[in-house]
Amino acid sequence: MSLSLLVFFAVTFGLVYLLRMTKINALVAFLLAGVLSGPYVFNLFELSETWTFLGELGIMFLWFNIGLEINMHRLWRMRRTIFGFGAAQVMMVAVVLFPLLFGVTQWSIMGCIMVSLMLAMSSTSADLQILTERNQMNTDMGRQTFSILLFQDLLSIPLLAMLPVFAGKTFNLGATAIDVFVTSMALIVAVIVIGRFVMNPIFRQIGKLKSKEAFLLAVMLNIVVWAVLMNWLGLPAGLGAFMAGMLMSETIYRHQITAEITPYAILFLSLFFISLGMGLNLPFLGRHWYMLLAGLVILVALKYFAIFMVARVRGVNALDATMIALILAQGGEFALLMLQTIKNSNIRAIPSGHEEILTAIIILSIMATPLLLRLHDYLQRRGKLLSQRRSKMINDTEEKIKPEVVVCGFGRVGQIVCQMLDAQNVPYLAIDLDVSAVMMGREMGFNVVYGDTTSRDVLHDLGVRTRTTRAAVVALDNATTARKTILTIKSITPRIQIFARARNLADSQILMREGVASALPETIETSFSLGAGVLHYMGKSDRSIDELLCDMRDDNYAALTVISDKND
């Protein structure tokens, strides 16, 4: 058993390393690791009930992550592009694929419709990774691509709601369309109402415990509760996990949830792809290799053509339309999940075995995307394609203002700092783990959110960036937490100016060693203020008081000056 584990992890590490070198999504590496570990290659493990269970957990977390990305405020802000370009892209791809599938297969009409819509979806994780690595997220092309991906994620609701239709032997188009529409709208309304008026108060009480374990367990319990509820209503359990993610996206705890759940989500997602790889019937796929190759070429070519045409009709220039079409030309995780859900639920929408062929085609298309982009870049540099003009950067005024100052801690000190920043119209964001302070601040109009300032993921998700965030105020009353926060901020943006609060001179020395610009001990400053007030009342001149304070500050802060000079 130990040798099998050693070989398994060695193979997995090697695959992740090699595929990341070629810019291919790491999840594909886990799938290939499952293939190699399965019964048809190294036979390290069998696809037992344990692996199946772990794979189902991975499915739940993937649905939850997709739902967590769908925030109603974001959808409304980008509604024109999402529901215009996104809807047109999906419908165009489905319209192109449907007659081909209906003509060359023996599938039912509903099977062809469902597969067409599934294949119209692209890989959100792979495409966002590509846009980020190419520094194109904040371009016209990147924003339009992102909008299409958002619409595809939103389309998950009606597509999941349609799954029970496959269990029936008869199909009434009008009745089904009405049922799916009503179900989808009911779920969206439930998300808005429950997320704001039920989940926020519940997590407010949990947040008061200041326990990461309780917070994480509450999130997981929320996923399972909704999955069980949807299953009880006769809907797929994945829809429940998707709903749980959408509910969390409507709370003020969304950023903290994202940071806390991401490591576990990656783990369970990896297990899902490993179990998916173990379940692939390699001899069967080998006998139908020609179908895999033809399916890959046809899928990528048809999706590229359909998306390019929609983009051009909408007035997108040829270069951006080409890039959008190339990035979105693959299949996605949604289709993999749907196929796995259909297989596990014994829904015979398409003949047995065809799910595996479609799964393999989708995986190959995800792997091919970065290679096609590299070929495109090479041909463009050689002058064989369009000019090398870059897609222009956008200045989206509707986007949330990026904070120039981040205030870590919203206690009495942090509140005063925020008031001063507000008075001078300086864009800021305050972060605190005290639920009561956060809710009070939001009611008073402060830009404050719930989050752990020692978490790099939380700070990054809240917009702390090297180019936009100019300064940070660490107004935490615990020196250890303040030091961790300073180190976390420095890891994101090393050159930022940090102004810290300290209780005493010893804490100031600790924080100054971490390279903060200022760490004034509040006990000393309070003493100076009290002493100056007494001396003024006793009739001493302002000049003599100022000179005395200057001398005393020099004496008391001498050690801090030495540390500051060393840091410089």
Protein backbone atom coordinates (compact mmCIF):
# COMPACT_ATOMS: atom_id res chain seq x y z
CA MET A 1 0.00 0.00 0.00
CA SER A 2 2.80 2.42 0.90
CA LEU A 3 4.63 1.68 -2.37
CA SER A 4 1.43 2.31 -4.34
CA LEU A 5 0.98 5.66 -2.61
CA LEU A 6 4.61 6.59 -3.31
CA VAL A 7 4.25 5.78 -7.00
CA PHE A 8 0.90 7.56 -7.16
CA PHE A 9 2.17 10.82 -5.66
CA ALA A 10 5.36 10.70 -7.72
CA VAL A 11 3.35 10.27 -10.92
CA THR A 12 0.92 13.02 -9.91
CA PHE A 13 3.73 15.47 -9.10
CA GLY A 14 5.49 14.72 -12.36
CA LEU A 15 2.31 15.26 -14.38
CA VAL A 16 1.45 18.52 -12.61
CA TYR A 17 4.99 19.81 -13.20
CA LEU A 18 5.06 18.86 -16.88
CA LEU A 19 1.58 20.16 -17.70
CA ARG A 20 2.11 23.45 -15.86
CA MET A 21 5.28 23.92 -17.91
CA THR A 22 3.04 23.84 -20.98
CA LYS A 23 0.41 26.11 -19.31
CA ILE A 24 -2.20 23.32 -19.16
CA ASN A 25 -4.69 23.29 -16.28
CA ALA A 26 -3.33 21.27 -13.34
CA LEU A 27 -6.69 19.50 -12.95
CA VAL A 28 -5.95 17.67 -16.21
CA ALA A 29 -2.81 16.33 -14.53
CA PHE A 30 -4.91 14.81 -11.74
CA LEU A 31 -7.19 13.22 -14.32
CA LEU A 32 -4.21 11.68 -16.12
CA ALA A 33 -2.89 10.53 -12.74
CA GLY A 34 -6.18 8.74 -12.23
CA VAL A 35 -5.87 7.12 -15.66
CA LEU A 36 -2.33 5.90 -14.93
CA SER A 37 -3.29 4.69 -11.43
CA GLY A 38 -6.38 2.88 -12.68
CA PRO A 39 -6.88 -0.76 -13.62
CA TYR A 40 -5.74 -0.36 -17.26
CA VAL A 41 -2.19 1.00 -16.67
CA PHE A 42 -0.34 0.64 -13.33
CA ASN A 43 -3.31 -0.84 -11.46
CA LEU A 44 -2.32 0.93 -8.23
CA PHE A 45 -5.89 1.34 -6.99
CA GLU A 46 -9.35 0.06 -7.84
CA LEU A 47 -12.31 2.37 -8.37
CA SER A 48 -13.86 1.38 -5.05
CA GLU A 49 -16.82 2.89 -3.23
CA THR A 50 -14.35 5.08 -1.30
CA TRP A 51 -12.97 6.65 -4.46
CA THR A 52 -16.48 7.06 -5.84
CA PHE A 53 -17.56 8.79 -2.62
CA LEU A 54 -14.53 11.10 -2.72
CA GLY A 55 -15.30 11.86 -6.35
CA GLU A 56 -18.88 12.80 -5.44
CA LEU A 57 -17.53 15.17 -2.78
CA GLY A 58 -15.33 16.71 -5.46
CA ILE A 59 -18.38 17.22 -7.67
CA MET A 60 -20.15 19.00 -4.81
CA PHE A 61 -17.22 21.35 -4.23
CA LEU A 62 -16.88 22.14 -7.93
CA TRP A 63 -20.58 23.06 -8.12
CA PHE A 64 -20.17 25.13 -4.95
CA ASN A 65 -17.20 27.04 -6.42
CA ILE A 66 -19.13 27.78 -9.61
CA GLY A 67 -22.06 29.11 -7.57
CA LEU A 68 -19.75 31.20 -5.37
CA GLU A 69 -18.57 33.11 -8.45
CA ILE A 70 -22.12 34.17 -9.38
CA ASN A 71 -22.89 37.32 -7.43
CA MET A 72 -26.12 39.18 -8.25
CA HIS A 73 -24.43 42.59 -8.01
CA ARG A 74 -21.80 41.52 -10.52
CA LEU A 75 -24.42 40.05 -12.85
CA TRP A 76 -26.47 43.26 -12.77
CA ARG A 77 -23.40 45.44 -13.32
CA MET A 78 -22.36 43.49 -16.42
CA ARG A 79 -25.87 42.48 -17.54
CA ARG A 80 -25.64 43.85 -21.10
CA THR A 81 -22.53 41.92 -22.01
CA ILE A 82 -23.45 38.82 -20.02
CA PHE A 83 -27.00 38.39 -21.30
CA GLY A 84 -26.19 39.77 -24.75
CA PHE A 85 -22.86 38.33 -25.82
CA GLY A 86 -23.03 35.34 -23.44
CA ALA A 87 -26.50 34.22 -24.49
CA ALA A 88 -25.75 34.72 -28.19
CA GLN A 89 -22.55 32.67 -27.93
CA VAL A 90 -24.23 29.72 -26.21
CA MET A 91 -27.21 29.69 -28.56
CA MET A 92 -25.03 29.98 -31.67
CA VAL A 93 -22.80 27.07 -30.62
CA ALA A 94 -25.83 24.94 -29.67
CA VAL A 95 -27.57 25.72 -32.98
CA VAL A 96 -24.45 24.70 -34.91
CA LEU A 97 -23.87 21.50 -32.92
CA PHE A 98 -27.47 20.25 -32.68
CA PRO A 99 -28.10 19.33 -36.36
CA LEU A 100 -24.69 17.65 -36.56
CA LEU A 101 -25.36 15.51 -33.47
CA PHE A 102 -28.92 14.71 -34.56
CA GLY A 103 -27.72 13.72 -38.02
CA VAL A 104 -24.75 11.48 -37.16
CA THR A 105 -26.00 9.86 -33.93
CA GLN A 106 -29.01 7.85 -32.88
CA TRP A 107 -29.63 10.01 -29.82
CA SER A 108 -33.04 11.35 -28.89
CA ILE A 109 -33.92 14.98 -29.58
CA MET A 110 -33.57 15.82 -25.89
CA GLY A 111 -30.21 14.05 -25.75
CA CYS A 112 -28.92 16.10 -28.69
CA ILE A 113 -30.24 19.34 -27.17
CA MET A 114 -28.64 18.63 -23.81
CA VAL A 115 -25.26 17.61 -25.23
CA SER A 116 -25.26 20.65 -27.55
CA LEU A 117 -25.81 22.97 -24.59
CA MET A 118 -23.23 21.15 -22.49
CA LEU A 119 -20.59 21.40 -25.20
CA ALA A 120 -21.40 25.09 -25.65
CA MET A 121 -19.99 25.63 -22.15
CA SER A 122 -16.26 26.31 -21.76
CA SER A 123 -13.77 25.68 -18.97
CA THR A 124 -14.08 28.58 -16.52
CA SER A 125 -11.02 27.66 -14.45
CA ALA A 126 -8.77 27.06 -17.48
CA ASP A 127 -9.90 30.21 -19.31
CA LEU A 128 -9.54 32.51 -16.30
CA GLN A 129 -6.08 31.06 -15.73
CA ILE A 130 -5.17 31.80 -19.36
CA LEU A 131 -6.44 35.39 -19.17
CA THR A 132 -4.56 35.99 -15.93
CA GLU A 133 -1.28 34.53 -17.18
CA ARG A 134 -1.49 36.58 -20.39
CA ASN A 135 -2.34 39.75 -18.39
CA GLN A 136 -5.51 40.22 -20.46
CA MET A 137 -8.19 40.14 -17.76
CA ASN A 138 -8.53 43.93 -17.74
CA THR A 139 -8.81 44.32 -21.52
CA ASP A 140 -11.86 44.59 -23.75
CA MET A 141 -11.25 41.04 -24.92
CA GLY A 142 -10.72 39.73 -21.39
CA ARG A 143 -13.83 41.41 -20.02
CA GLN A 144 -16.03 40.06 -22.82
CA THR A 145 -14.61 36.57 -22.37
CA PHE A 146 -15.25 36.79 -18.63
CA SER A 147 -18.84 37.90 -19.27
CA ILE A 148 -19.47 34.88 -21.48
CA LEU A 149 -18.09 32.58 -18.78
CA LEU A 150 -20.37 34.21 -16.22
CA PHE A 151 -23.42 33.59 -18.42
CA GLN A 152 -22.38 29.98 -18.89
CA ASP A 153 -22.13 29.55 -15.11
CA LEU A 154 -25.57 31.12 -14.69
CA LEU A 155 -26.96 28.78 -17.35
CA SER A 156 -26.00 25.92 -15.05
CA ILE A 157 -29.24 26.45 -13.09
CA PRO A 158 -31.74 25.65 -15.86
CA LEU A 159 -29.52 22.90 -17.30
CA LEU A 160 -29.31 21.19 -13.94
CA ALA A 161 -33.04 21.66 -13.46
CA MET A 162 -33.59 19.89 -16.81
CA LEU A 163 -31.83 16.69 -15.73
CA PRO A 164 -34.97 15.05 -14.27
CA VAL A 165 -36.58 15.40 -17.71
CA PHE A 166 -34.26 12.66 -18.94
CA ALA A 167 -35.70 10.24 -16.41
CA GLY A 168 -39.14 10.42 -18.08
CA LYS A 169 -40.16 8.55 -21.20
CA THR A 170 -42.27 11.35 -22.64
CA PHE A 171 -41.37 14.93 -23.26
CA ASN A 172 -43.58 17.97 -23.69
CA LEU A 173 -41.48 20.93 -24.86
CA GLY A 174 -43.85 23.64 -23.66
CA ALA A 175 -44.50 22.13 -20.24
CA THR A 176 -40.81 21.39 -19.67
CA ALA A 177 -39.75 24.89 -20.69
CA ILE A 178 -42.26 26.40 -18.27
CA ASP A 179 -41.17 24.04 -15.47
CA VAL A 180 -37.49 24.83 -15.99
CA PHE A 181 -38.14 28.58 -16.17
CA VAL A 182 -40.26 28.56 -13.01
CA THR A 183 -37.74 26.38 -11.16
CA SER A 184 -34.81 28.56 -12.20
CA MET A 185 -36.52 31.82 -11.23
CA ALA A 186 -37.64 30.32 -7.91
CA LEU A 187 -34.08 29.26 -7.14
CA ILE A 188 -32.67 32.70 -8.02
CA VAL A 189 -35.25 34.49 -5.85
CA ALA A 190 -34.58 32.03 -3.03
CA VAL A 191 -30.85 32.78 -3.29
CA ILE A 192 -31.39 36.54 -2.98
CA VAL A 193 -33.88 36.33 -0.11
CA ILE A 194 -32.25 33.53 1.90
CA GLY A 195 -28.72 34.78 1.30
CA ARG A 196 -29.45 38.25 2.62
CA PHE A 197 -32.03 37.64 5.31
CA VAL A 198 -31.16 34.17 6.60
CA MET A 199 -27.52 33.31 5.89
CA ASN A 200 -26.13 36.72 6.90
CA PRO A 201 -27.62 36.54 10.44
CA ILE A 202 -26.57 32.90 10.84
CA PHE A 203 -22.97 33.55 9.84
CA ARG A 204 -22.97 36.70 11.95
CA GLN A 205 -23.46 34.52 15.03
CA ILE A 206 -20.87 32.01 13.83
CA GLY A 207 -18.40 34.81 13.10
CA LYS A 208 -18.67 36.04 16.68
CA LEU A 209 -17.04 32.79 17.80
CA LYS A 210 -13.88 33.82 15.90
CA SER A 211 -13.25 30.14 15.20
CA LYS A 212 -11.98 29.15 11.76
CA GLU A 213 -13.02 25.56 12.41
CA ALA A 214 -16.62 26.53 13.23
CA PHE A 215 -16.74 28.86 10.22
CA LEU A 216 -15.44 26.19 7.84
CA LEU A 217 -17.77 23.51 9.21
CA ALA A 218 -20.72 25.88 8.84
CA VAL A 219 -19.86 26.38 5.16
CA MET A 220 -19.57 22.63 4.56
CA LEU A 221 -22.80 21.96 6.46
CA ASN A 222 -24.52 24.54 4.26
CA ILE A 223 -23.34 22.69 1.15
CA VAL A 224 -24.57 19.31 2.40
CA VAL A 225 -27.93 20.65 3.65
CA TRP A 226 -28.80 22.18 0.29
CA ALA A 227 -27.57 19.12 -1.61
CA VAL A 228 -29.79 16.85 0.51
CA LEU A 229 -32.74 19.25 0.14
CA MET A 230 -32.47 19.37 -3.66
CA ASN A 231 -32.12 15.59 -3.78
CA TRP A 232 -35.26 15.26 -1.63
CA LEU A 233 -37.13 17.51 -4.08
CA GLY A 234 -36.13 15.24 -6.94
CA LEU A 235 -33.46 17.62 -8.29
CA PRO A 236 -29.73 16.81 -8.67
CA ALA A 237 -27.64 17.12 -5.50
CA GLY A 238 -25.14 19.19 -7.50
CA LEU A 239 -27.81 21.87 -7.88
CA GLY A 240 -27.96 22.07 -4.08
CA ALA A 241 -24.20 22.64 -3.84
CA PHE A 242 -24.51 25.23 -6.61
CA MET A 243 -27.29 26.94 -4.65
CA ALA A 244 -25.13 26.91 -1.50
CA GLY A 245 -22.38 28.72 -3.40
CA MET A 246 -24.78 31.35 -4.72
CA LEU A 247 -26.17 31.87 -1.21
CA MET A 248 -22.67 32.47 0.14
CA SER A 249 -21.91 34.91 -2.68
CA GLU A 250 -24.76 37.12 -1.41
CA THR A 251 -23.28 37.49 2.09
CA ILE A 252 -20.62 39.87 3.40
CA TYR A 253 -18.53 36.79 4.25
CA ARG A 254 -17.97 35.81 0.60
CA HIS A 255 -14.27 36.77 0.50
CA GLN A 256 -13.48 34.95 3.75
CA ILE A 257 -15.40 31.88 2.58
CA THR A 258 -13.46 31.85 -0.69
CA ALA A 259 -10.15 31.99 1.17
CA GLU A 260 -11.12 29.32 3.72
CA ILE A 261 -12.70 26.84 1.33
CA THR A 262 -10.23 27.07 -1.58
CA PRO A 263 -7.58 24.62 -0.22
CA TYR A 264 -10.25 22.00 0.55
CA ALA A 265 -12.03 22.62 -2.75
CA ILE A 266 -8.79 22.06 -4.67
CA LEU A 267 -8.22 18.83 -2.74
CA PHE A 268 -11.69 17.43 -3.40
CA LEU A 269 -11.66 18.63 -7.02
CA SER A 270 -8.41 16.76 -7.49
CA LEU A 271 -10.03 13.64 -6.06
CA PHE A 272 -12.96 14.04 -8.47
CA PHE A 273 -10.66 14.21 -11.49
CA ILE A 274 -8.58 11.29 -10.20
CA SER A 275 -11.71 9.14 -9.78
CA LEU A 276 -12.92 10.31 -13.21
CA GLY A 277 -9.62 9.18 -14.74
CA MET A 278 -9.78 5.82 -12.96
CA GLY A 279 -13.25 5.24 -14.37
CA LEU A 280 -12.26 5.81 -18.02
CA ASN A 281 -12.38 2.62 -20.05
CA LEU A 282 -9.08 2.88 -21.95
CA PRO A 283 -9.55 -0.23 -24.13
CA PHE A 284 -12.97 1.05 -25.20
CA LEU A 285 -11.58 4.52 -25.96
CA GLY A 286 -8.63 2.98 -27.80
CA ARG A 287 -10.99 1.07 -30.09
CA HIS A 288 -12.76 4.34 -30.90
CA TRP A 289 -9.68 6.58 -31.26
CA TYR A 290 -10.91 7.87 -34.60
CA MET A 291 -14.09 9.14 -32.93
CA LEU A 292 -12.01 10.96 -30.32
CA LEU A 293 -9.83 12.62 -32.93
CA ALA A 294 -12.76 13.57 -35.16
CA GLY A 295 -14.80 14.78 -32.20
CA LEU A 296 -11.92 16.96 -30.96
CA VAL A 297 -11.35 18.61 -34.34
CA ILE A 298 -15.07 19.12 -34.99
CA LEU A 299 -15.79 20.52 -31.50
CA VAL A 300 -12.93 23.04 -31.52
CA ALA A 301 -13.52 24.08 -35.13
CA LEU A 302 -17.30 24.53 -34.80
CA LYS A 303 -17.06 26.39 -31.49
CA TYR A 304 -14.34 28.64 -32.89
CA PHE A 305 -16.40 29.43 -35.98
CA ALA A 306 -19.63 30.07 -34.05
CA ILE A 307 -18.04 32.28 -31.38
CA PHE A 308 -15.99 34.23 -33.93
CA MET A 309 -19.10 34.97 -36.00
CA VAL A 310 -21.09 36.13 -32.94
CA ALA A 311 -18.23 38.38 -31.85
CA ARG A 312 -17.92 39.97 -35.29
CA VAL A 313 -21.68 40.55 -35.54
CA ARG A 314 -21.49 42.34 -32.17
CA GLY A 315 -18.80 44.66 -33.54
CA VAL A 316 -15.74 43.08 -31.91
CA ASN A 317 -12.60 43.67 -33.97
CA ALA A 318 -11.08 40.68 -35.79
CA LEU A 319 -8.09 40.29 -33.44
CA ASP A 320 -10.19 40.24 -30.26
CA ALA A 321 -12.82 38.01 -31.88
CA THR A 322 -10.09 35.52 -32.80
CA MET A 323 -8.72 35.46 -29.26
CA ILE A 324 -12.17 35.11 -27.66
CA ALA A 325 -13.04 32.25 -30.00
CA LEU A 326 -9.72 30.45 -29.39
CA ILE A 327 -9.93 30.75 -25.61
CA LEU A 328 -13.55 29.52 -25.46
CA ALA A 329 -13.30 26.79 -28.12
CA GLN A 330 -12.86 23.92 -25.63
CA GLY A 331 -15.33 21.99 -23.51
CA GLY A 332 -15.53 22.61 -19.78
CA GLU A 333 -15.87 21.24 -16.27
CA PHE A 334 -19.63 21.75 -16.41
CA ALA A 335 -20.00 19.20 -19.21
CA LEU A 336 -17.76 16.76 -17.31
CA LEU A 337 -19.92 17.18 -14.24
CA MET A 338 -23.14 16.77 -16.20
CA LEU A 339 -21.89 13.62 -17.91
CA GLN A 340 -20.74 12.17 -14.59
CA THR A 341 -24.06 13.10 -12.95
CA ILE A 342 -26.01 11.47 -15.81
CA LYS A 343 -23.86 8.35 -15.52
CA ASN A 344 -24.16 8.08 -11.73
CA SER A 345 -27.92 8.74 -11.81
CA ASN A 346 -28.53 6.01 -14.41
CA ILE A 347 -30.17 8.56 -16.74
CA ARG A 348 -30.09 7.14 -20.25
CA ALA A 349 -30.10 10.38 -22.22
CA ILE A 350 -27.45 9.00 -24.57
CA PRO A 351 -26.32 5.39 -25.17
CA SER A 352 -24.02 3.75 -22.64
CA GLY A 353 -20.35 4.36 -23.40
CA HIS A 354 -20.93 7.59 -25.25
CA GLU A 355 -20.45 9.52 -22.00
CA GLU A 356 -16.86 8.26 -21.89
CA ILE A 357 -16.19 9.33 -25.48
CA LEU A 358 -17.58 12.81 -24.82
CA THR A 359 -15.58 13.04 -21.58
CA ALA A 360 -12.35 12.17 -23.40
CA ILE A 361 -13.09 14.71 -26.17
CA ILE A 362 -13.69 17.48 -23.62
CA ILE A 363 -10.47 16.67 -21.76
CA LEU A 364 -8.47 16.70 -24.98
CA SER A 365 -10.00 20.04 -25.97
CA ILE A 366 -8.99 21.60 -22.61
CA MET A 367 -5.44 20.33 -23.14
CA ALA A 368 -5.37 21.63 -26.72
CA THR A 369 -6.37 25.23 -25.91
CA PRO A 370 -3.01 26.51 -24.56
CA LEU A 371 -1.22 24.73 -27.42
CA LEU A 372 -3.47 26.44 -29.99
CA LEU A 373 -2.86 29.80 -28.33
CA ARG A 374 0.90 29.23 -28.54
CA LEU A 375 0.57 28.38 -32.23
CA HIS A 376 -1.53 31.51 -32.74
CA ASP A 377 1.09 33.69 -31.02
CA TYR A 378 3.88 32.12 -33.06
CA LEU A 379 2.09 32.69 -36.37
CA GLN A 380 1.21 36.24 -35.36
CA ARG A 381 4.83 37.06 -34.55
CA ARG A 382 5.85 35.68 -37.95
CA GLY A 383 3.31 37.95 -39.64
CA LYS A 384 1.18 35.06 -40.88
CA LEU A 385 -1.94 36.28 -39.07
CA LEU A 386 -3.45 39.57 -37.96
CA SER A 387 -1.35 42.46 -36.68
CA GLN A 388 0.12 42.35 -33.20
CA ARG A 389 -2.06 45.23 -31.99
CA ARG A 390 -2.95 44.67 -28.34
CA SER A 391 -6.48 44.65 -27.07
CA LYS A 392 -6.98 48.01 -25.38
CA MET A 393 -7.17 48.25 -21.62
CA ILE A 394 -10.53 49.31 -20.24
CA ASN A 395 -11.54 51.85 -17.67
CA ASP A 396 -14.74 50.39 -16.30
CA THR A 397 -16.32 53.05 -14.13
CA GLU A 398 -18.93 50.59 -12.94
CA GLU A 399 -16.33 48.38 -11.31
CA LYS A 400 -15.80 48.65 -7.60
CA ILE A 401 -13.13 51.26 -6.74
CA LYS A 402 -9.84 49.59 -5.87
CA PRO A 403 -8.65 50.67 -2.41
CA GLU A 404 -5.66 52.99 -2.31
CA VAL A 405 -5.48 52.40 1.43
CA VAL A 406 -6.35 49.18 3.26
CA VAL A 407 -7.19 49.50 6.96
CA CYS A 408 -6.63 46.25 8.87
CA GLY A 409 -8.76 46.38 12.00
CA PHE A 410 -11.94 48.37 12.53
CA GLY A 411 -11.80 49.05 16.26
CA ARG A 412 -11.67 52.51 17.81
CA VAL A 413 -8.36 53.36 16.10
CA GLY A 414 -9.36 51.96 12.71
CA GLN A 415 -12.69 53.83 12.78
CA ILE A 416 -10.98 57.17 13.37
CA VAL A 417 -8.53 56.50 10.55
CA CYS A 418 -11.43 55.63 8.22
CA GLN A 419 -13.24 58.84 9.19
CA MET A 420 -10.14 60.84 8.26
CA LEU A 421 -9.79 59.01 4.93
CA ASP A 422 -13.48 59.56 4.21
CA ALA A 423 -13.17 63.26 4.96
CA GLN A 424 -10.38 63.61 2.39
CA ASN A 425 -12.09 61.35 -0.22
CA VAL A 426 -9.30 58.76 -0.17
CA PRO A 427 -10.51 55.34 -1.46
CA TYR A 428 -10.05 52.78 1.32
CA LEU A 429 -11.21 49.39 2.49
CA ALA A 430 -11.38 48.33 6.14
CA ILE A 431 -11.19 44.65 7.14
CA ASP A 432 -12.04 43.06 10.47
CA LEU A 433 -13.02 39.69 11.96
CA ASP A 434 -15.32 41.29 14.54
CA VAL A 435 -18.79 40.75 13.07
CA SER A 436 -20.43 43.36 15.33
CA ALA A 437 -17.90 46.03 14.35
CA VAL A 438 -18.30 45.20 10.65
CA MET A 439 -22.12 45.36 10.76
CA MET A 440 -22.05 48.61 12.76
CA GLY A 441 -19.56 50.15 10.35
CA ARG A 442 -21.58 49.16 7.28
CA GLU A 443 -24.73 50.65 8.83
CA MET A 444 -22.81 53.91 9.39
CA GLY A 445 -21.66 53.97 5.76
CA PHE A 446 -18.06 52.81 6.17
CA ASN A 447 -16.49 50.62 3.49
CA VAL A 448 -15.73 47.72 5.82
CA VAL A 449 -15.92 43.97 5.16
CA TYR A 450 -15.54 40.76 7.12
CA GLY A 451 -12.21 39.01 6.63
CA ASP A 452 -8.98 37.69 8.11
CA THR A 453 -6.17 40.20 7.52
CA THR A 454 -3.52 37.50 8.01
CA SER A 455 -4.83 35.56 4.99
CA ARG A 456 -3.10 36.33 1.71
CA ASP A 457 -6.05 34.96 -0.26
CA VAL A 458 -8.50 37.25 1.54
CA LEU A 459 -6.40 40.39 0.97
CA HIS A 460 -5.81 39.49 -2.66
CA ASP A 461 -9.50 38.76 -3.24
CA LEU A 462 -10.39 42.15 -1.71
CA GLY A 463 -8.25 44.02 -4.22
CA VAL A 464 -4.92 44.55 -2.45
CA ARG A 465 -2.53 44.96 -5.37
CA THR A 466 0.98 46.28 -5.98
CA ARG A 467 -0.10 48.95 -8.45
CA THR A 468 -3.31 50.17 -6.84
CA THR A 469 -2.83 49.88 -3.07
CA ARG A 470 -0.48 52.63 -1.92
CA ALA A 471 -0.63 52.35 1.85
CA ALA A 472 -1.86 50.12 4.67
CA VAL A 473 -2.90 50.93 8.22
CA VAL A 474 -2.54 48.08 10.70
CA ALA A 475 -4.86 49.09 13.56
CA LEU A 476 -4.92 45.73 15.37
CA ASP A 477 -4.53 45.55 19.14
CA ASN A 478 -2.63 42.24 19.13
CA ALA A 479 1.07 42.53 18.26
CA THR A 480 1.34 38.94 17.01
CA THR A 481 -1.66 39.31 14.68
CA ALA A 482 -0.39 42.72 13.56
CA ARG A 483 3.01 41.24 12.69
CA LYS A 484 1.42 38.40 10.69
CA THR A 485 -0.75 40.93 8.86
CA ILE A 486 2.28 43.07 8.00
CA LEU A 487 4.16 40.05 6.64
CA THR A 488 1.12 39.03 4.59
CA ILE A 489 0.72 42.51 3.09
CA LYS A 490 4.44 42.65 2.33
CA SER A 491 4.22 39.30 0.53
CA ILE A 492 1.62 40.78 -1.84
CA THR A 493 3.11 44.24 -2.35
CA PRO A 494 6.62 44.54 -0.89
CA ARG A 495 7.05 48.31 -1.42
CA ILE A 496 3.82 49.42 0.24
CA GLN A 497 3.99 51.96 3.07
CA ILE A 498 2.57 50.50 6.29
CA PHE A 499 1.50 52.57 9.31
CA ALA A 500 0.91 50.46 12.38
CA ARG A 501 -0.69 50.84 15.78
CA ALA A 502 1.27 49.60 18.81
CA ARG A 503 0.33 49.33 22.45
CA ASN A 504 3.76 50.08 23.86
CA LEU A 505 7.38 50.66 22.92
CA ALA A 506 8.20 46.95 22.87
CA ASP A 507 5.43 46.26 20.33
CA SER A 508 6.62 49.23 18.27
CA GLN A 509 10.11 47.75 18.09
CA ILE A 510 8.71 44.40 16.94
CA LEU A 511 6.65 45.98 14.16
CA MET A 512 9.38 48.39 13.07
CA ARG A 513 11.70 45.43 12.48
CA GLU A 514 9.21 44.21 9.85
CA GLY A 515 9.76 47.38 7.83
CA VAL A 516 6.71 49.50 8.68
CA ALA A 517 6.94 53.23 8.04
CA SER A 518 5.55 54.15 11.45
CA ALA A 519 4.54 52.28 14.61
CA LEU A 520 3.73 54.77 17.33
CA PRO A 521 3.05 53.33 20.80
CA GLU A 522 -0.36 54.58 21.89
CA THR A 523 0.44 54.37 25.63
CA ILE A 524 3.32 56.81 25.26
CA GLU A 525 1.36 59.17 23.02
CA THR A 526 -1.58 59.10 25.44
CA SER A 527 0.77 59.92 28.30
CA PHE A 528 2.25 62.84 26.35
CA SER A 529 -1.24 64.21 25.65
CA LEU A 530 -2.27 63.94 29.31
CA GLY A 531 0.95 65.52 30.52
CA ALA A 532 0.68 68.39 28.04
CA GLY A 533 -2.88 69.05 29.20
CA VAL A 534 -1.85 69.22 32.84
CA LEU A 535 1.11 71.51 32.13
CA HIS A 536 -1.07 73.81 30.04
CA TYR A 537 -3.59 74.01 32.89
CA MET A 538 -0.78 74.80 35.33
CA GLY A 539 0.11 77.86 33.26
CA LYS A 540 3.17 76.65 31.38
CA SER A 541 3.74 78.22 27.97
CA ASP A 542 2.92 76.34 24.79
CA ARG A 543 6.50 76.81 23.58
CA SER A 544 8.02 75.20 26.68
CA ILE A 545 5.54 72.31 26.49
CA ASP A 546 6.35 71.72 22.81
CA GLU A 547 10.09 71.74 23.49
CA LEU A 548 9.64 69.30 26.37
CA LEU A 549 7.51 66.95 24.24
CA CYS A 550 10.08 67.13 21.45
CA ASP A 551 12.92 66.16 23.81
CA MET A 552 10.89 63.37 25.41
CA ARG A 553 9.87 61.95 22.02
CA ASP A 554 13.53 61.93 20.96
CA ASP A 555 14.48 60.05 24.12
CA ASN A 556 11.60 57.56 24.01
CA TYR A 557 11.70 56.90 20.26
CA ALA A 558 15.49 56.70 19.95
CA ALA A 559 15.37 52.90 19.69
CA LEU A 560 12.71 53.09 16.97
CA THR A 561 14.82 55.58 14.98
CA VAL A 562 17.75 53.16 15.00
CA ILE A 563 15.52 50.33 13.71
CA SER A 564 14.06 52.59 11.01
CA ASP A 565 17.55 53.58 9.82
CA LYS A 566 18.53 49.90 9.59
CA ASN A 567 15.42 49.14 7.52
CA ASP A 568 16.24 51.97 5.14
